Amino acid sequence: MWFLLKDKYVFGMALIRVISGCIEITAALLMLYFNRVETALKINGVLAFLGPTFLFIVMGLGLLGLAGKVPISKMLIVIVGVGLIFYGVSKG
């Protein structure tokens, strides 16, 4: 094995980010292939949906990995921080 797997949560988080990156690269190549602004905007719309989904999944895995290792008060601070990120970037 090319690396020593120490934490399954970190591996899962990294794997999901690799998948996310592959989707982003594929989307960019599709935009170039179709070479139309309308199609590129549709592809970008799909990415706008997938990005936060991957963020939630990776953040959830990270929080699961921290469960039991970090005091509950600090876990709540992390969760509130994530909530503030989404509140800050939301429209409206």
N, C-alpha and C. Protein backbone atom coordinates (compact mmCIF):
# COMPACT_ATOMS: atom_id res chain seq x y z
N MET A 1 0.84 -1.17 0.00
CA MET A 1 0.00 0.00 0.00
C MET A 1 0.89 1.25 0.00
N TRP A 2 0.52 2.26 -0.77
CA TRP A 2 1.38 3.44 -0.94
C TRP A 2 1.31 4.41 0.22
N PHE A 3 0.47 4.15 1.18
CA PHE A 3 0.42 4.98 2.38
C PHE A 3 -0.09 4.14 3.53
N LEU A 4 0.15 4.61 4.71
CA LEU A 4 -0.32 3.89 5.88
C LEU A 4 -1.61 4.53 6.35
N LEU A 5 -2.70 3.79 6.29
CA LEU A 5 -4.01 4.30 6.68
C LEU A 5 -4.10 4.34 8.19
N LYS A 6 -4.13 5.57 8.73
CA LYS A 6 -4.18 5.71 10.18
C LYS A 6 -5.58 6.01 10.67
N ASP A 7 -6.36 6.71 9.89
CA ASP A 7 -7.68 7.13 10.35
C ASP A 7 -8.67 6.96 9.21
N LYS A 8 -9.67 6.12 9.42
CA LYS A 8 -10.64 5.86 8.36
C LYS A 8 -11.46 7.09 8.03
N TYR A 9 -11.66 7.98 9.00
CA TYR A 9 -12.43 9.20 8.74
C TYR A 9 -11.65 10.14 7.82
N VAL A 10 -10.37 10.28 8.07
CA VAL A 10 -9.54 11.12 7.20
C VAL A 10 -9.49 10.54 5.79
N PHE A 11 -9.37 9.22 5.69
CA PHE A 11 -9.37 8.58 4.37
C PHE A 11 -10.69 8.85 3.65
N GLY A 12 -11.80 8.70 4.36
CA GLY A 12 -13.11 8.96 3.75
C GLY A 12 -13.26 10.40 3.30
N MET A 13 -12.81 11.33 4.15
CA MET A 13 -12.88 12.74 3.79
C MET A 13 -12.05 13.03 2.54
N ALA A 14 -10.85 12.50 2.51
CA ALA A 14 -9.97 12.72 1.35
C ALA A 14 -10.54 12.08 0.09
N LEU A 15 -11.09 10.88 0.22
CA LEU A 15 -11.66 10.18 -0.93
C LEU A 15 -12.83 10.97 -1.52
N ILE A 16 -13.69 11.49 -0.66
CA ILE A 16 -14.82 12.28 -1.14
C ILE A 16 -14.33 13.54 -1.85
N ARG A 17 -13.28 14.17 -1.33
CA ARG A 17 -12.72 15.36 -1.98
C ARG A 17 -12.09 15.01 -3.33
N VAL A 18 -11.47 13.85 -3.44
CA VAL A 18 -10.92 13.42 -4.73
C VAL A 18 -12.05 13.21 -5.73
N ILE A 19 -13.12 12.58 -5.29
CA ILE A 19 -14.28 12.38 -6.17
C ILE A 19 -14.84 13.73 -6.60
N SER A 20 -14.97 14.64 -5.65
CA SER A 20 -15.46 15.98 -5.95
C SER A 20 -14.57 16.68 -6.98
N GLY A 21 -13.28 16.56 -6.81
CA GLY A 21 -12.34 17.16 -7.75
C GLY A 21 -12.45 16.57 -9.15
N CYS A 22 -12.63 15.25 -9.21
CA CYS A 22 -12.80 14.60 -10.52
C CYS A 22 -14.07 15.09 -11.21
N ILE A 23 -15.13 15.28 -10.43
CA ILE A 23 -16.37 15.80 -11.01
C ILE A 23 -16.15 17.22 -11.53
N GLU A 24 -15.42 18.05 -10.79
CA GLU A 24 -15.13 19.42 -11.22
C GLU A 24 -14.33 19.43 -12.53
N ILE A 25 -13.31 18.58 -12.61
CA ILE A 25 -12.49 18.52 -13.82
C ILE A 25 -13.32 18.02 -15.00
N THR A 26 -14.15 17.02 -14.76
CA THR A 26 -15.02 16.50 -15.82
C THR A 26 -15.96 17.59 -16.31
N ALA A 27 -16.51 18.35 -15.37
CA ALA A 27 -17.42 19.45 -15.74
C ALA A 27 -16.70 20.49 -16.60
N ALA A 28 -15.48 20.83 -16.22
CA ALA A 28 -14.71 21.81 -17.01
C ALA A 28 -14.46 21.28 -18.42
N LEU A 29 -14.12 20.02 -18.53
CA LEU A 29 -13.88 19.43 -19.85
C LEU A 29 -15.17 19.39 -20.68
N LEU A 30 -16.29 19.12 -20.03
CA LEU A 30 -17.57 19.13 -20.74
C LEU A 30 -17.91 20.54 -21.24
N MET A 31 -17.61 21.54 -20.41
CA MET A 31 -17.84 22.92 -20.85
C MET A 31 -17.03 23.23 -22.11
N LEU A 32 -15.78 22.79 -22.11
CA LEU A 32 -14.94 23.02 -23.28
C LEU A 32 -15.43 22.22 -24.49
N TYR A 33 -15.88 21.01 -24.24
CA TYR A 33 -16.35 20.16 -25.33
C TYR A 33 -17.59 20.75 -26.01
N PHE A 34 -18.57 21.16 -25.21
CA PHE A 34 -19.81 21.71 -25.78
C PHE A 34 -19.64 23.13 -26.31
N ASN A 35 -18.73 23.90 -25.71
CA ASN A 35 -18.34 25.22 -26.21
C ASN A 35 -19.54 26.15 -26.42
N ARG A 36 -20.50 26.08 -25.48
CA ARG A 36 -21.68 26.95 -25.52
C ARG A 36 -21.92 27.52 -24.14
N VAL A 37 -22.16 28.81 -24.07
CA VAL A 37 -22.36 29.47 -22.79
C VAL A 37 -23.58 28.87 -22.06
N GLU A 38 -24.64 28.61 -22.79
CA GLU A 38 -25.85 28.08 -22.17
C GLU A 38 -25.59 26.73 -21.50
N THR A 39 -24.88 25.87 -22.20
CA THR A 39 -24.56 24.55 -21.66
C THR A 39 -23.61 24.67 -20.48
N ALA A 40 -22.64 25.57 -20.60
CA ALA A 40 -21.68 25.77 -19.51
C ALA A 40 -22.39 26.25 -18.24
N LEU A 41 -23.38 27.11 -18.41
CA LEU A 41 -24.15 27.59 -17.25
C LEU A 41 -24.96 26.47 -16.62
N LYS A 42 -25.51 25.58 -17.43
CA LYS A 42 -26.25 24.44 -16.89
C LYS A 42 -25.32 23.52 -16.09
N ILE A 43 -24.15 23.26 -16.65
CA ILE A 43 -23.17 22.42 -15.96
C ILE A 43 -22.75 23.08 -14.66
N ASN A 44 -22.52 24.39 -14.70
CA ASN A 44 -22.14 25.13 -13.50
C ASN A 44 -23.25 25.09 -12.45
N GLY A 45 -24.49 25.09 -12.90
CA GLY A 45 -25.62 24.99 -11.97
C GLY A 45 -25.61 23.67 -11.22
N VAL A 46 -25.28 22.60 -11.92
CA VAL A 46 -25.18 21.29 -11.27
C VAL A 46 -24.05 21.31 -10.24
N LEU A 47 -22.93 21.92 -10.60
CA LEU A 47 -21.81 22.01 -9.67
C LEU A 47 -22.17 22.83 -8.44
N ALA A 48 -22.98 23.87 -8.63
CA ALA A 48 -23.40 24.71 -7.50
C ALA A 48 -24.23 23.90 -6.50
N PHE A 49 -24.93 22.91 -6.97
CA PHE A 49 -25.69 22.03 -6.09
C PHE A 49 -24.78 21.00 -5.41
N LEU A 50 -23.85 20.45 -6.17
CA LEU A 50 -23.00 19.38 -5.65
C LEU A 50 -21.97 19.88 -4.63
N GLY A 51 -21.46 21.09 -4.82
CA GLY A 51 -20.42 21.62 -3.93
C GLY A 51 -20.83 21.59 -2.46
N PRO A 52 -21.95 22.22 -2.11
CA PRO A 52 -22.37 22.19 -0.70
C PRO A 52 -22.71 20.78 -0.21
N THR A 53 -23.18 19.94 -1.10
CA THR A 53 -23.48 18.56 -0.71
C THR A 53 -22.21 17.85 -0.27
N PHE A 54 -21.15 17.99 -1.06
CA PHE A 54 -19.88 17.38 -0.68
C PHE A 54 -19.35 18.00 0.60
N LEU A 55 -19.51 19.31 0.76
CA LEU A 55 -19.05 19.97 1.99
C LEU A 55 -19.75 19.39 3.21
N PHE A 56 -21.07 19.22 3.13
CA PHE A 56 -21.82 18.64 4.25
C PHE A 56 -21.35 17.23 4.57
N ILE A 57 -21.14 16.44 3.53
CA ILE A 57 -20.72 15.04 3.75
C ILE A 57 -19.35 14.99 4.40
N VAL A 58 -18.40 15.77 3.87
CA VAL A 58 -17.05 15.76 4.43
C VAL A 58 -17.05 16.31 5.85
N MET A 59 -17.81 17.38 6.09
CA MET A 59 -17.88 17.95 7.42
C MET A 59 -18.51 16.95 8.40
N GLY A 60 -19.54 16.24 7.94
CA GLY A 60 -20.17 15.23 8.78
C GLY A 60 -19.21 14.11 9.16
N LEU A 61 -18.44 13.65 8.19
CA LEU A 61 -17.44 12.62 8.48
C LEU A 61 -16.41 13.14 9.49
N GLY A 62 -15.98 14.37 9.30
CA GLY A 62 -15.01 14.95 10.23
C GLY A 62 -15.56 15.05 11.63
N LEU A 63 -16.81 15.46 11.75
CA LEU A 63 -17.43 15.55 13.07
C LEU A 63 -17.60 14.18 13.70
N LEU A 64 -17.94 13.18 12.88
CA LEU A 64 -18.01 11.81 13.41
C LEU A 64 -16.65 11.35 13.93
N GLY A 65 -15.62 11.72 13.19
CA GLY A 65 -14.27 11.34 13.61
C GLY A 65 -13.84 12.01 14.90
N LEU A 66 -14.37 13.20 15.14
CA LEU A 66 -14.03 13.91 16.38
C LEU A 66 -14.87 13.48 17.57
N ALA A 67 -16.00 12.86 17.31
CA ALA A 67 -16.91 12.47 18.39
C ALA A 67 -16.18 11.60 19.41
N GLY A 68 -16.27 11.97 20.64
CA GLY A 68 -15.61 11.23 21.71
C GLY A 68 -14.19 11.68 21.97
N LYS A 69 -13.57 12.39 21.03
CA LYS A 69 -12.20 12.86 21.20
C LYS A 69 -12.15 14.32 21.66
N VAL A 70 -13.23 15.03 21.39
CA VAL A 70 -13.28 16.45 21.70
C VAL A 70 -14.45 16.69 22.65
N PRO A 71 -14.27 17.58 23.64
CA PRO A 71 -15.39 17.87 24.55
C PRO A 71 -16.61 18.38 23.79
N ILE A 72 -17.78 18.08 24.32
CA ILE A 72 -19.03 18.44 23.66
C ILE A 72 -19.14 19.94 23.44
N SER A 73 -18.61 20.73 24.35
CA SER A 73 -18.68 22.19 24.20
C SER A 73 -17.92 22.64 22.95
N LYS A 74 -16.78 22.06 22.70
CA LYS A 74 -16.01 22.42 21.51
C LYS A 74 -16.66 21.89 20.24
N MET A 75 -17.30 20.72 20.34
CA MET A 75 -18.02 20.19 19.18
C MET A 75 -19.15 21.13 18.80
N LEU A 76 -19.85 21.66 19.79
CA LEU A 76 -20.93 22.60 19.51
C LEU A 76 -20.40 23.86 18.83
N ILE A 77 -19.24 24.32 19.25
CA ILE A 77 -18.63 25.50 18.62
C ILE A 77 -18.33 25.21 17.15
N VAL A 78 -17.81 24.03 16.86
CA VAL A 78 -17.51 23.65 15.47
C VAL A 78 -18.80 23.60 14.66
N ILE A 79 -19.83 23.00 15.22
CA ILE A 79 -21.10 22.87 14.51
C ILE A 79 -21.71 24.25 14.25
N VAL A 80 -21.67 25.13 15.25
CA VAL A 80 -22.17 26.49 15.06
C VAL A 80 -21.34 27.21 13.99
N GLY A 81 -20.03 26.97 13.98
CA GLY A 81 -19.18 27.58 12.95
C GLY A 81 -19.56 27.15 11.55
N VAL A 82 -19.84 25.88 11.38
CA VAL A 82 -20.27 25.38 10.08
C VAL A 82 -21.60 26.03 9.69
N GLY A 83 -22.50 26.12 10.66
CA GLY A 83 -23.78 26.78 10.40
C GLY A 83 -23.60 28.23 9.99
N LEU A 84 -22.67 28.93 10.63
CA LEU A 84 -22.41 30.33 10.27
C LEU A 84 -21.83 30.47 8.86
N ILE A 85 -21.02 29.50 8.47
CA ILE A 85 -20.49 29.52 7.09
C ILE A 85 -21.65 29.46 6.10
N PHE A 86 -22.57 28.54 6.32
CA PHE A 86 -23.69 28.41 5.39
C PHE A 86 -24.62 29.61 5.47
N TYR A 87 -24.81 30.16 6.64
CA TYR A 87 -25.64 31.36 6.77
C TYR A 87 -24.99 32.54 6.04
N GLY A 88 -23.68 32.66 6.16
CA GLY A 88 -22.96 33.75 5.54
C GLY A 88 -22.97 33.73 4.02
N VAL A 89 -23.00 32.54 3.46
CA VAL A 89 -22.96 32.45 1.99
C VAL A 89 -24.33 32.26 1.37
N SER A 90 -25.37 32.16 2.21
CA SER A 90 -26.70 31.95 1.66
C SER A 90 -27.24 33.25 1.07
N LYS A 91 -28.12 33.09 0.12
CA LYS A 91 -28.75 34.24 -0.53
C LYS A 91 -29.99 34.63 0.26
N GLY A 92 -30.23 35.91 0.32
CA GLY A 92 -31.48 36.33 0.94
C GLY A 92 -31.34 37.18 2.13
